[in-house]
ModelCIF file with pLDDT and N, C-alpha, C, O atoms, coordinates in Angstrom:
data_MODEL
#
_entry.id   MODEL 
#
_entity.id                         1 
_entity.type                       polymer 
_entity.pdbx_number_of_molecules   1 
#
_entity_poly.entity_id                      1 
_entity_poly.type                           'polypeptide(L)' 
_entity_poly.nstd_linkage                   no 
_entity_poly.nstd_monomer                   no 
_entity_poly.pdbx_seq_one_letter_code       
;(UNK)(UNK)(UNK)(UNK)(UNK)(UNK)(UNK)(UNK)(UNK)(UNK)(UNK)(UNK)(UNK)(UNK)(UNK)(UNK)
(UNK)(UNK)(UNK)(UNK)(UNK)(UNK)(UNK)(UNK)(UNK)(UNK)(UNK)(UNK)(UNK)(UNK)(UNK)(UNK)
(UNK)(UNK)(UNK)(UNK)(UNK)(UNK)(UNK)(UNK)(UNK)(UNK)(UNK)(UNK)(UNK)(UNK)(UNK)
;
_entity_poly.pdbx_seq_one_letter_code_can   XXXXXXXXXXXXXXXXXXXXXXXXXXXXXXXXXXXXXXXXXXXXXXX 
_entity_poly.pdbx_strand_id                 A 
#
loop_
_entity_poly_seq.entity_id 
_entity_poly_seq.num 
_entity_poly_seq.mon_id 
_entity_poly_seq.hetero 
1 1  UNK n 
1 2  UNK n 
1 3  UNK n 
1 4  UNK n 
1 5  UNK n 
1 6  UNK n 
1 7  UNK n 
1 8  UNK n 
1 9  UNK n 
1 10 UNK n 
1 11 UNK n 
1 12 UNK n 
1 13 UNK n 
1 14 UNK n 
1 15 UNK n 
1 16 UNK n 
1 17 UNK n 
1 18 UNK n 
1 19 UNK n 
1 20 UNK n 
1 21 UNK n 
1 22 UNK n 
1 23 UNK n 
1 24 UNK n 
1 25 UNK n 
1 26 UNK n 
1 27 UNK n 
1 28 UNK n 
1 29 UNK n 
1 30 UNK n 
1 31 UNK n 
1 32 UNK n 
1 33 UNK n 
1 34 UNK n 
1 35 UNK n 
1 36 UNK n 
1 37 UNK n 
1 38 UNK n 
1 39 UNK n 
1 40 UNK n 
1 41 UNK n 
1 42 UNK n 
1 43 UNK n 
1 44 UNK n 
1 45 UNK n 
1 46 UNK n 
1 47 UNK n 
#
_struct_asym.id          A 
_struct_asym.entity_id   1 
#
loop_
_ma_qa_metric.id 
_ma_qa_metric.mode 
_ma_qa_metric.name 
_ma_qa_metric.software_group_id 
_ma_qa_metric.type 
1 global pLDDT . pLDDT 
2 local  pLDDT . pLDDT 
#
_ma_qa_metric_global.metric_id      1 
_ma_qa_metric_global.metric_value   96.04 
_ma_qa_metric_global.model_id       1 
_ma_qa_metric_global.ordinal_id     1 
#
loop_
_ma_qa_metric_local.label_asym_id 
_ma_qa_metric_local.label_comp_id 
_ma_qa_metric_local.label_seq_id 
_ma_qa_metric_local.metric_id 
_ma_qa_metric_local.metric_value 
_ma_qa_metric_local.model_id 
_ma_qa_metric_local.ordinal_id 
A UNK 1  2 87.00 1 1  
A UNK 2  2 85.00 1 2  
A UNK 3  2 91.00 1 3  
A UNK 4  2 94.00 1 4  
A UNK 5  2 95.00 1 5  
A UNK 6  2 96.00 1 6  
A UNK 7  2 98.00 1 7  
A UNK 8  2 98.00 1 8  
A UNK 9  2 98.00 1 9  
A UNK 10 2 98.00 1 10 
A UNK 11 2 98.00 1 11 
A UNK 12 2 98.00 1 12 
A UNK 13 2 97.00 1 13 
A UNK 14 2 97.00 1 14 
A UNK 15 2 97.00 1 15 
A UNK 16 2 98.00 1 16 
A UNK 17 2 98.00 1 17 
A UNK 18 2 97.00 1 18 
A UNK 19 2 97.00 1 19 
A UNK 20 2 98.00 1 20 
A UNK 21 2 98.00 1 21 
A UNK 22 2 97.00 1 22 
A UNK 23 2 97.00 1 23 
A UNK 24 2 98.00 1 24 
A UNK 25 2 97.00 1 25 
A UNK 26 2 95.00 1 26 
A UNK 27 2 96.00 1 27 
A UNK 28 2 97.00 1 28 
A UNK 29 2 97.00 1 29 
A UNK 30 2 97.00 1 30 
A UNK 31 2 98.00 1 31 
A UNK 32 2 98.00 1 32 
A UNK 33 2 98.00 1 33 
A UNK 34 2 98.00 1 34 
A UNK 35 2 98.00 1 35 
A UNK 36 2 97.00 1 36 
A UNK 37 2 97.00 1 37 
A UNK 38 2 98.00 1 38 
A UNK 39 2 97.00 1 39 
A UNK 40 2 94.00 1 40 
A UNK 41 2 96.00 1 41 
A UNK 42 2 96.00 1 42 
A UNK 43 2 93.00 1 43 
A UNK 44 2 91.00 1 44 
A UNK 45 2 94.00 1 45 
A UNK 46 2 93.00 1 46 
A UNK 47 2 94.00 1 47 
#
loop_
_atom_site.group_PDB 
_atom_site.id 
_atom_site.type_symbol 
_atom_site.label_atom_id 
_atom_site.label_alt_id 
_atom_site.label_comp_id 
_atom_site.label_asym_id 
_atom_site.label_entity_id 
_atom_site.label_seq_id 
_atom_site.pdbx_PDB_ins_code 
_atom_site.Cartn_x 
_atom_site.Cartn_y 
_atom_site.Cartn_z 
_atom_site.occupancy 
_atom_site.B_iso_or_equiv 
_atom_site.pdbx_formal_charge 
_atom_site.auth_seq_id 
_atom_site.auth_comp_id 
_atom_site.auth_asym_id 
_atom_site.auth_atom_id 
_atom_site.pdbx_PDB_model_num 
ATOM 1   N N  . UNK A 1 1  ? 205.517 189.119 183.830 1.00 87.00 ? 1  UNK A N  1 
ATOM 2   C CA . UNK A 1 1  ? 204.717 190.262 183.385 1.00 87.00 ? 1  UNK A CA 1 
ATOM 3   C C  . UNK A 1 1  ? 205.777 189.838 181.681 1.00 87.00 ? 1  UNK A C  1 
ATOM 4   O O  . UNK A 1 1  ? 206.967 189.573 181.513 1.00 87.00 ? 1  UNK A O  1 
ATOM 5   N N  . UNK A 1 2  ? 204.378 189.989 180.542 1.00 85.00 ? 2  UNK A N  1 
ATOM 6   C CA . UNK A 1 2  ? 205.041 189.646 178.874 1.00 85.00 ? 2  UNK A CA 1 
ATOM 7   C C  . UNK A 1 2  ? 205.558 191.071 179.029 1.00 85.00 ? 2  UNK A C  1 
ATOM 8   O O  . UNK A 1 2  ? 206.708 191.005 178.595 1.00 85.00 ? 2  UNK A O  1 
ATOM 9   N N  . UNK A 1 3  ? 205.333 192.284 179.402 1.00 91.00 ? 3  UNK A N  1 
ATOM 10  C CA . UNK A 1 3  ? 205.373 193.918 179.206 1.00 91.00 ? 3  UNK A CA 1 
ATOM 11  C C  . UNK A 1 3  ? 204.922 195.160 180.216 1.00 91.00 ? 3  UNK A C  1 
ATOM 12  O O  . UNK A 1 3  ? 204.167 194.954 181.166 1.00 91.00 ? 3  UNK A O  1 
ATOM 13  N N  . UNK A 1 4  ? 205.275 196.012 180.015 1.00 94.00 ? 4  UNK A N  1 
ATOM 14  C CA . UNK A 1 4  ? 204.609 196.409 181.013 1.00 94.00 ? 4  UNK A CA 1 
ATOM 15  C C  . UNK A 1 4  ? 204.028 198.011 179.701 1.00 94.00 ? 4  UNK A C  1 
ATOM 16  O O  . UNK A 1 4  ? 204.730 198.607 178.884 1.00 94.00 ? 4  UNK A O  1 
ATOM 17  N N  . UNK A 1 5  ? 202.817 198.173 179.980 1.00 95.00 ? 5  UNK A N  1 
ATOM 18  C CA . UNK A 1 5  ? 202.337 199.035 178.794 1.00 95.00 ? 5  UNK A CA 1 
ATOM 19  C C  . UNK A 1 5  ? 202.421 200.718 179.445 1.00 95.00 ? 5  UNK A C  1 
ATOM 20  O O  . UNK A 1 5  ? 202.079 201.287 180.481 1.00 95.00 ? 5  UNK A O  1 
ATOM 21  N N  . UNK A 1 6  ? 202.683 200.860 178.935 1.00 96.00 ? 6  UNK A N  1 
ATOM 22  C CA . UNK A 1 6  ? 203.254 202.451 179.639 1.00 96.00 ? 6  UNK A CA 1 
ATOM 23  C C  . UNK A 1 6  ? 202.746 204.363 178.188 1.00 96.00 ? 6  UNK A C  1 
ATOM 24  O O  . UNK A 1 6  ? 203.033 205.560 178.164 1.00 96.00 ? 6  UNK A O  1 
ATOM 25  N N  . UNK A 1 7  ? 202.070 203.558 177.497 1.00 98.00 ? 7  UNK A N  1 
ATOM 26  C CA . UNK A 1 7  ? 201.848 204.506 176.350 1.00 98.00 ? 7  UNK A CA 1 
ATOM 27  C C  . UNK A 1 7  ? 200.726 203.694 175.106 1.00 98.00 ? 7  UNK A C  1 
ATOM 28  O O  . UNK A 1 7  ? 200.803 202.469 175.008 1.00 98.00 ? 7  UNK A O  1 
ATOM 29  N N  . UNK A 1 8  ? 199.828 204.389 174.302 1.00 98.00 ? 8  UNK A N  1 
ATOM 30  C CA . UNK A 1 8  ? 199.246 203.909 173.332 1.00 98.00 ? 8  UNK A CA 1 
ATOM 31  C C  . UNK A 1 8  ? 200.015 202.900 172.476 1.00 98.00 ? 8  UNK A C  1 
ATOM 32  O O  . UNK A 1 8  ? 201.154 202.972 172.015 1.00 98.00 ? 8  UNK A O  1 
ATOM 33  N N  . UNK A 1 9  ? 199.109 201.964 172.389 1.00 98.00 ? 9  UNK A N  1 
ATOM 34  C CA . UNK A 1 9  ? 199.937 200.497 171.966 1.00 98.00 ? 9  UNK A CA 1 
ATOM 35  C C  . UNK A 1 9  ? 199.710 201.153 170.502 1.00 98.00 ? 9  UNK A C  1 
ATOM 36  O O  . UNK A 1 9  ? 198.734 201.821 170.161 1.00 98.00 ? 9  UNK A O  1 
ATOM 37  N N  . UNK A 1 10 ? 200.950 200.776 169.639 1.00 98.00 ? 10 UNK A N  1 
ATOM 38  C CA . UNK A 1 10 ? 200.503 200.641 167.861 1.00 98.00 ? 10 UNK A CA 1 
ATOM 39  C C  . UNK A 1 10 ? 201.723 199.521 167.531 1.00 98.00 ? 10 UNK A C  1 
ATOM 40  O O  . UNK A 1 10 ? 202.520 198.970 168.292 1.00 98.00 ? 10 UNK A O  1 
ATOM 41  N N  . UNK A 1 11 ? 201.599 199.457 166.603 1.00 98.00 ? 11 UNK A N  1 
ATOM 42  C CA . UNK A 1 11 ? 202.414 197.805 165.864 1.00 98.00 ? 11 UNK A CA 1 
ATOM 43  C C  . UNK A 1 11 ? 203.681 197.684 166.008 1.00 98.00 ? 11 UNK A C  1 
ATOM 44  O O  . UNK A 1 11 ? 204.486 196.776 166.216 1.00 98.00 ? 11 UNK A O  1 
ATOM 45  N N  . UNK A 1 12 ? 203.690 199.172 165.799 1.00 98.00 ? 12 UNK A N  1 
ATOM 46  C CA . UNK A 1 12 ? 205.591 198.699 165.957 1.00 98.00 ? 12 UNK A CA 1 
ATOM 47  C C  . UNK A 1 12 ? 206.643 198.215 165.181 1.00 98.00 ? 12 UNK A C  1 
ATOM 48  O O  . UNK A 1 12 ? 206.947 199.039 164.319 1.00 98.00 ? 12 UNK A O  1 
ATOM 49  N N  . UNK A 1 13 ? 207.297 197.232 165.152 1.00 97.00 ? 13 UNK A N  1 
ATOM 50  C CA . UNK A 1 13 ? 207.742 196.796 164.034 1.00 97.00 ? 13 UNK A CA 1 
ATOM 51  C C  . UNK A 1 13 ? 206.639 195.125 164.412 1.00 97.00 ? 13 UNK A C  1 
ATOM 52  O O  . UNK A 1 13 ? 207.377 194.167 164.180 1.00 97.00 ? 13 UNK A O  1 
ATOM 53  N N  . UNK A 1 14 ? 205.953 194.885 164.639 1.00 97.00 ? 14 UNK A N  1 
ATOM 54  C CA . UNK A 1 14 ? 204.979 193.357 164.000 1.00 97.00 ? 14 UNK A CA 1 
ATOM 55  C C  . UNK A 1 14 ? 205.378 193.521 162.969 1.00 97.00 ? 14 UNK A C  1 
ATOM 56  O O  . UNK A 1 14 ? 205.944 194.551 162.602 1.00 97.00 ? 14 UNK A O  1 
ATOM 57  N N  . UNK A 1 15 ? 205.112 192.292 162.119 1.00 97.00 ? 15 UNK A N  1 
ATOM 58  C CA . UNK A 1 15 ? 204.889 192.508 160.665 1.00 97.00 ? 15 UNK A CA 1 
ATOM 59  C C  . UNK A 1 15 ? 204.708 191.052 160.451 1.00 97.00 ? 15 UNK A C  1 
ATOM 60  O O  . UNK A 1 15 ? 205.605 190.270 160.138 1.00 97.00 ? 15 UNK A O  1 
ATOM 61  N N  . UNK A 1 16 ? 203.018 190.664 160.719 1.00 98.00 ? 16 UNK A N  1 
ATOM 62  C CA . UNK A 1 16 ? 203.041 189.324 159.791 1.00 98.00 ? 16 UNK A CA 1 
ATOM 63  C C  . UNK A 1 16 ? 201.730 188.983 158.790 1.00 98.00 ? 16 UNK A C  1 
ATOM 64  O O  . UNK A 1 16 ? 200.919 188.068 158.649 1.00 98.00 ? 16 UNK A O  1 
ATOM 65  N N  . UNK A 1 17 ? 202.075 190.493 158.088 1.00 98.00 ? 17 UNK A N  1 
ATOM 66  C CA . UNK A 1 17 ? 202.273 190.428 156.457 1.00 98.00 ? 17 UNK A CA 1 
ATOM 67  C C  . UNK A 1 17 ? 203.571 188.893 156.085 1.00 98.00 ? 17 UNK A C  1 
ATOM 68  O O  . UNK A 1 17 ? 203.769 187.715 155.788 1.00 98.00 ? 17 UNK A O  1 
ATOM 69  N N  . UNK A 1 18 ? 204.047 190.152 156.414 1.00 97.00 ? 18 UNK A N  1 
ATOM 70  C CA . UNK A 1 18 ? 205.701 189.234 155.730 1.00 97.00 ? 18 UNK A CA 1 
ATOM 71  C C  . UNK A 1 18 ? 206.376 187.400 156.418 1.00 97.00 ? 18 UNK A C  1 
ATOM 72  O O  . UNK A 1 18 ? 207.090 186.421 156.203 1.00 97.00 ? 18 UNK A O  1 
ATOM 73  N N  . UNK A 1 19 ? 205.365 188.115 157.377 1.00 97.00 ? 19 UNK A N  1 
ATOM 74  C CA . UNK A 1 19 ? 205.863 186.026 157.938 1.00 97.00 ? 19 UNK A CA 1 
ATOM 75  C C  . UNK A 1 19 ? 204.209 185.314 156.964 1.00 97.00 ? 19 UNK A C  1 
ATOM 76  O O  . UNK A 1 19 ? 204.142 184.152 156.563 1.00 97.00 ? 19 UNK A O  1 
ATOM 77  N N  . UNK A 1 20 ? 203.547 185.927 156.861 1.00 98.00 ? 20 UNK A N  1 
ATOM 78  C CA . UNK A 1 20 ? 202.407 185.313 155.423 1.00 98.00 ? 20 UNK A CA 1 
ATOM 79  C C  . UNK A 1 20 ? 202.756 184.715 154.473 1.00 98.00 ? 20 UNK A C  1 
ATOM 80  O O  . UNK A 1 20 ? 202.676 183.552 154.076 1.00 98.00 ? 20 UNK A O  1 
ATOM 81  N N  . UNK A 1 21 ? 203.493 186.375 153.852 1.00 98.00 ? 21 UNK A N  1 
ATOM 82  C CA . UNK A 1 21 ? 204.288 186.500 151.997 1.00 98.00 ? 21 UNK A CA 1 
ATOM 83  C C  . UNK A 1 21 ? 205.535 185.299 152.650 1.00 98.00 ? 21 UNK A C  1 
ATOM 84  O O  . UNK A 1 21 ? 206.185 184.865 151.699 1.00 98.00 ? 21 UNK A O  1 
ATOM 85  N N  . UNK A 1 22 ? 205.861 184.866 153.606 1.00 97.00 ? 22 UNK A N  1 
ATOM 86  C CA . UNK A 1 22 ? 206.853 184.449 153.386 1.00 97.00 ? 22 UNK A CA 1 
ATOM 87  C C  . UNK A 1 22 ? 206.192 182.911 153.190 1.00 97.00 ? 22 UNK A C  1 
ATOM 88  O O  . UNK A 1 22 ? 206.547 182.228 152.228 1.00 97.00 ? 22 UNK A O  1 
ATOM 89  N N  . UNK A 1 23 ? 205.106 182.358 154.266 1.00 97.00 ? 23 UNK A N  1 
ATOM 90  C CA . UNK A 1 23 ? 204.745 180.812 154.055 1.00 97.00 ? 23 UNK A CA 1 
ATOM 91  C C  . UNK A 1 23 ? 203.978 180.805 152.359 1.00 97.00 ? 23 UNK A C  1 
ATOM 92  O O  . UNK A 1 23 ? 204.058 180.038 151.400 1.00 97.00 ? 23 UNK A O  1 
ATOM 93  N N  . UNK A 1 24 ? 203.507 181.622 152.533 1.00 98.00 ? 24 UNK A N  1 
ATOM 94  C CA . UNK A 1 24 ? 202.261 181.749 150.895 1.00 98.00 ? 24 UNK A CA 1 
ATOM 95  C C  . UNK A 1 24 ? 203.553 181.594 150.318 1.00 98.00 ? 24 UNK A C  1 
ATOM 96  O O  . UNK A 1 24 ? 203.173 180.783 149.473 1.00 98.00 ? 24 UNK A O  1 
ATOM 97  N N  . UNK A 1 25 ? 204.761 181.707 150.085 1.00 97.00 ? 25 UNK A N  1 
ATOM 98  C CA . UNK A 1 25 ? 205.919 182.108 148.372 1.00 97.00 ? 25 UNK A CA 1 
ATOM 99  C C  . UNK A 1 25 ? 206.349 180.945 148.533 1.00 97.00 ? 25 UNK A C  1 
ATOM 100 O O  . UNK A 1 25 ? 206.921 180.572 147.509 1.00 97.00 ? 25 UNK A O  1 
ATOM 101 N N  . UNK A 1 26 ? 206.349 179.832 149.706 1.00 95.00 ? 26 UNK A N  1 
ATOM 102 C CA . UNK A 1 26 ? 206.771 178.580 149.529 1.00 95.00 ? 26 UNK A CA 1 
ATOM 103 C C  . UNK A 1 26 ? 205.922 177.164 149.384 1.00 95.00 ? 26 UNK A C  1 
ATOM 104 O O  . UNK A 1 26 ? 206.152 176.009 149.025 1.00 95.00 ? 26 UNK A O  1 
ATOM 105 N N  . UNK A 1 27 ? 204.183 178.370 150.150 1.00 96.00 ? 27 UNK A N  1 
ATOM 106 C CA . UNK A 1 27 ? 203.749 177.152 149.591 1.00 96.00 ? 27 UNK A CA 1 
ATOM 107 C C  . UNK A 1 27 ? 202.169 177.314 149.528 1.00 96.00 ? 27 UNK A C  1 
ATOM 108 O O  . UNK A 1 27 ? 201.481 176.598 150.256 1.00 96.00 ? 27 UNK A O  1 
ATOM 109 N N  . UNK A 1 28 ? 201.734 177.996 148.899 1.00 97.00 ? 28 UNK A N  1 
ATOM 110 C CA . UNK A 1 28 ? 200.791 178.469 148.058 1.00 97.00 ? 28 UNK A CA 1 
ATOM 111 C C  . UNK A 1 28 ? 199.753 179.470 148.923 1.00 97.00 ? 28 UNK A C  1 
ATOM 112 O O  . UNK A 1 28 ? 200.042 180.047 149.971 1.00 97.00 ? 28 UNK A O  1 
ATOM 113 N N  . UNK A 1 29 ? 198.785 179.511 148.384 1.00 97.00 ? 29 UNK A N  1 
ATOM 114 C CA . UNK A 1 29 ? 197.659 180.621 149.928 1.00 97.00 ? 29 UNK A CA 1 
ATOM 115 C C  . UNK A 1 29 ? 197.273 179.397 150.165 1.00 97.00 ? 29 UNK A C  1 
ATOM 116 O O  . UNK A 1 29 ? 197.667 179.143 151.304 1.00 97.00 ? 29 UNK A O  1 
ATOM 117 N N  . UNK A 1 30 ? 196.332 177.850 149.422 1.00 97.00 ? 30 UNK A N  1 
ATOM 118 C CA . UNK A 1 30 ? 196.120 177.034 150.295 1.00 97.00 ? 30 UNK A CA 1 
ATOM 119 C C  . UNK A 1 30 ? 197.137 176.423 152.329 1.00 97.00 ? 30 UNK A C  1 
ATOM 120 O O  . UNK A 1 30 ? 197.827 175.524 152.811 1.00 97.00 ? 30 UNK A O  1 
ATOM 121 N N  . UNK A 1 31 ? 196.551 177.585 152.655 1.00 98.00 ? 31 UNK A N  1 
ATOM 122 C CA . UNK A 1 31 ? 196.930 176.969 154.283 1.00 98.00 ? 31 UNK A CA 1 
ATOM 123 C C  . UNK A 1 31 ? 196.395 178.106 154.741 1.00 98.00 ? 31 UNK A C  1 
ATOM 124 O O  . UNK A 1 31 ? 195.884 179.117 154.260 1.00 98.00 ? 31 UNK A O  1 
ATOM 125 N N  . UNK A 1 32 ? 196.819 177.379 156.521 1.00 98.00 ? 32 UNK A N  1 
ATOM 126 C CA . UNK A 1 32 ? 196.616 178.590 157.343 1.00 98.00 ? 32 UNK A CA 1 
ATOM 127 C C  . UNK A 1 32 ? 197.533 179.057 158.351 1.00 98.00 ? 32 UNK A C  1 
ATOM 128 O O  . UNK A 1 32 ? 198.359 178.226 158.727 1.00 98.00 ? 32 UNK A O  1 
ATOM 129 N N  . UNK A 1 33 ? 197.577 180.372 158.951 1.00 98.00 ? 33 UNK A N  1 
ATOM 130 C CA . UNK A 1 33 ? 198.065 180.956 159.617 1.00 98.00 ? 33 UNK A CA 1 
ATOM 131 C C  . UNK A 1 33 ? 197.223 181.119 160.641 1.00 98.00 ? 33 UNK A C  1 
ATOM 132 O O  . UNK A 1 33 ? 196.019 180.866 160.612 1.00 98.00 ? 33 UNK A O  1 
ATOM 133 N N  . UNK A 1 34 ? 198.284 181.844 162.214 1.00 98.00 ? 34 UNK A N  1 
ATOM 134 C CA . UNK A 1 34 ? 198.194 182.141 163.264 1.00 98.00 ? 34 UNK A CA 1 
ATOM 135 C C  . UNK A 1 34 ? 198.723 183.219 164.006 1.00 98.00 ? 34 UNK A C  1 
ATOM 136 O O  . UNK A 1 34 ? 199.771 183.796 164.295 1.00 98.00 ? 34 UNK A O  1 
ATOM 137 N N  . UNK A 1 35 ? 197.276 183.217 164.206 1.00 98.00 ? 35 UNK A N  1 
ATOM 138 C CA . UNK A 1 35 ? 198.288 183.954 165.929 1.00 98.00 ? 35 UNK A CA 1 
ATOM 139 C C  . UNK A 1 35 ? 197.354 183.987 167.509 1.00 98.00 ? 35 UNK A C  1 
ATOM 140 O O  . UNK A 1 35 ? 196.520 183.096 167.674 1.00 98.00 ? 35 UNK A O  1 
ATOM 141 N N  . UNK A 1 36 ? 197.488 184.697 168.249 1.00 97.00 ? 36 UNK A N  1 
ATOM 142 C CA . UNK A 1 36 ? 197.532 184.634 169.441 1.00 97.00 ? 36 UNK A CA 1 
ATOM 143 C C  . UNK A 1 36 ? 196.192 185.762 169.409 1.00 97.00 ? 36 UNK A C  1 
ATOM 144 O O  . UNK A 1 36 ? 196.038 186.803 168.771 1.00 97.00 ? 36 UNK A O  1 
ATOM 145 N N  . UNK A 1 37 ? 195.459 185.163 170.240 1.00 97.00 ? 37 UNK A N  1 
ATOM 146 C CA . UNK A 1 37 ? 194.029 186.310 171.064 1.00 97.00 ? 37 UNK A CA 1 
ATOM 147 C C  . UNK A 1 37 ? 194.511 187.274 171.169 1.00 97.00 ? 37 UNK A C  1 
ATOM 148 O O  . UNK A 1 37 ? 195.716 187.249 171.420 1.00 97.00 ? 37 UNK A O  1 
ATOM 149 N N  . UNK A 1 38 ? 193.987 188.293 171.065 1.00 98.00 ? 38 UNK A N  1 
ATOM 150 C CA . UNK A 1 38 ? 194.096 189.304 171.873 1.00 98.00 ? 38 UNK A CA 1 
ATOM 151 C C  . UNK A 1 38 ? 194.014 189.151 173.024 1.00 98.00 ? 38 UNK A C  1 
ATOM 152 O O  . UNK A 1 38 ? 195.113 189.500 173.452 1.00 98.00 ? 38 UNK A O  1 
ATOM 153 N N  . UNK A 1 39 ? 193.042 188.660 174.328 1.00 97.00 ? 39 UNK A N  1 
ATOM 154 C CA . UNK A 1 39 ? 192.561 188.466 175.294 1.00 97.00 ? 39 UNK A CA 1 
ATOM 155 C C  . UNK A 1 39 ? 194.039 187.619 175.515 1.00 97.00 ? 39 UNK A C  1 
ATOM 156 O O  . UNK A 1 39 ? 194.937 188.208 176.116 1.00 97.00 ? 39 UNK A O  1 
ATOM 157 N N  . UNK A 1 40 ? 194.231 186.458 175.100 1.00 94.00 ? 40 UNK A N  1 
ATOM 158 C CA . UNK A 1 40 ? 195.553 185.972 176.382 1.00 94.00 ? 40 UNK A CA 1 
ATOM 159 C C  . UNK A 1 40 ? 196.334 187.025 176.157 1.00 94.00 ? 40 UNK A C  1 
ATOM 160 O O  . UNK A 1 40 ? 195.979 187.701 177.124 1.00 94.00 ? 40 UNK A O  1 
ATOM 161 N N  . UNK A 1 41 ? 197.321 187.834 175.481 1.00 96.00 ? 41 UNK A N  1 
ATOM 162 C CA . UNK A 1 41 ? 198.299 188.334 174.646 1.00 96.00 ? 41 UNK A CA 1 
ATOM 163 C C  . UNK A 1 41 ? 197.754 189.384 176.328 1.00 96.00 ? 41 UNK A C  1 
ATOM 164 O O  . UNK A 1 41 ? 198.350 189.002 177.334 1.00 96.00 ? 41 UNK A O  1 
ATOM 165 N N  . UNK A 1 42 ? 196.694 190.606 176.554 1.00 96.00 ? 42 UNK A N  1 
ATOM 166 C CA . UNK A 1 42 ? 196.508 191.037 177.065 1.00 96.00 ? 42 UNK A CA 1 
ATOM 167 C C  . UNK A 1 42 ? 196.431 191.307 178.314 1.00 96.00 ? 42 UNK A C  1 
ATOM 168 O O  . UNK A 1 42 ? 196.400 192.376 178.925 1.00 96.00 ? 42 UNK A O  1 
ATOM 169 N N  . UNK A 1 43 ? 196.396 189.978 178.712 1.00 93.00 ? 43 UNK A N  1 
ATOM 170 C CA . UNK A 1 43 ? 196.430 188.731 180.100 1.00 93.00 ? 43 UNK A CA 1 
ATOM 171 C C  . UNK A 1 43 ? 197.917 188.282 180.642 1.00 93.00 ? 43 UNK A C  1 
ATOM 172 O O  . UNK A 1 43 ? 198.238 187.352 181.381 1.00 93.00 ? 43 UNK A O  1 
ATOM 173 N N  . UNK A 1 44 ? 198.301 188.779 180.325 1.00 91.00 ? 44 UNK A N  1 
ATOM 174 C CA . UNK A 1 44 ? 200.348 189.070 180.621 1.00 91.00 ? 44 UNK A CA 1 
ATOM 175 C C  . UNK A 1 44 ? 200.863 190.271 180.745 1.00 91.00 ? 44 UNK A C  1 
ATOM 176 O O  . UNK A 1 44 ? 201.869 190.505 181.415 1.00 91.00 ? 44 UNK A O  1 
ATOM 177 N N  . UNK A 1 45 ? 199.785 191.675 179.692 1.00 94.00 ? 45 UNK A N  1 
ATOM 178 C CA . UNK A 1 45 ? 201.347 192.114 180.720 1.00 94.00 ? 45 UNK A CA 1 
ATOM 179 C C  . UNK A 1 45 ? 200.324 193.380 181.758 1.00 94.00 ? 45 UNK A C  1 
ATOM 180 O O  . UNK A 1 45 ? 199.114 193.556 181.896 1.00 94.00 ? 45 UNK A O  1 
ATOM 181 N N  . UNK A 1 46 ? 201.420 193.978 182.258 1.00 93.00 ? 46 UNK A N  1 
ATOM 182 C CA . UNK A 1 46 ? 201.229 195.134 183.028 1.00 93.00 ? 46 UNK A CA 1 
ATOM 183 C C  . UNK A 1 46 ? 200.427 196.121 182.890 1.00 93.00 ? 46 UNK A C  1 
ATOM 184 O O  . UNK A 1 46 ? 199.655 195.686 183.744 1.00 93.00 ? 46 UNK A O  1 
ATOM 185 N N  . UNK A 1 47 ? 199.953 197.035 182.575 1.00 94.00 ? 47 UNK A N  1 
ATOM 186 C CA . UNK A 1 47 ? 198.783 198.589 182.792 1.00 94.00 ? 47 UNK A CA 1 
ATOM 187 C C  . UNK A 1 47 ? 198.826 198.843 183.203 1.00 94.00 ? 47 UNK A C  1 
ATOM 188 O O  . UNK A 1 47 ? 198.117 199.830 183.396 1.00 94.00 ? 47 UNK A O  1 
#
């Protein structure tokens, strides 16, 4: 498993906003940002 869920989920240190800002700072806003589907992520977890 990618991880074991033992408590309510929270964002923790995940920071998509900063990673997107890095991208737009060098490329402008006319660009695509990608995230993995919650379904695919959930299938890798031991709940």
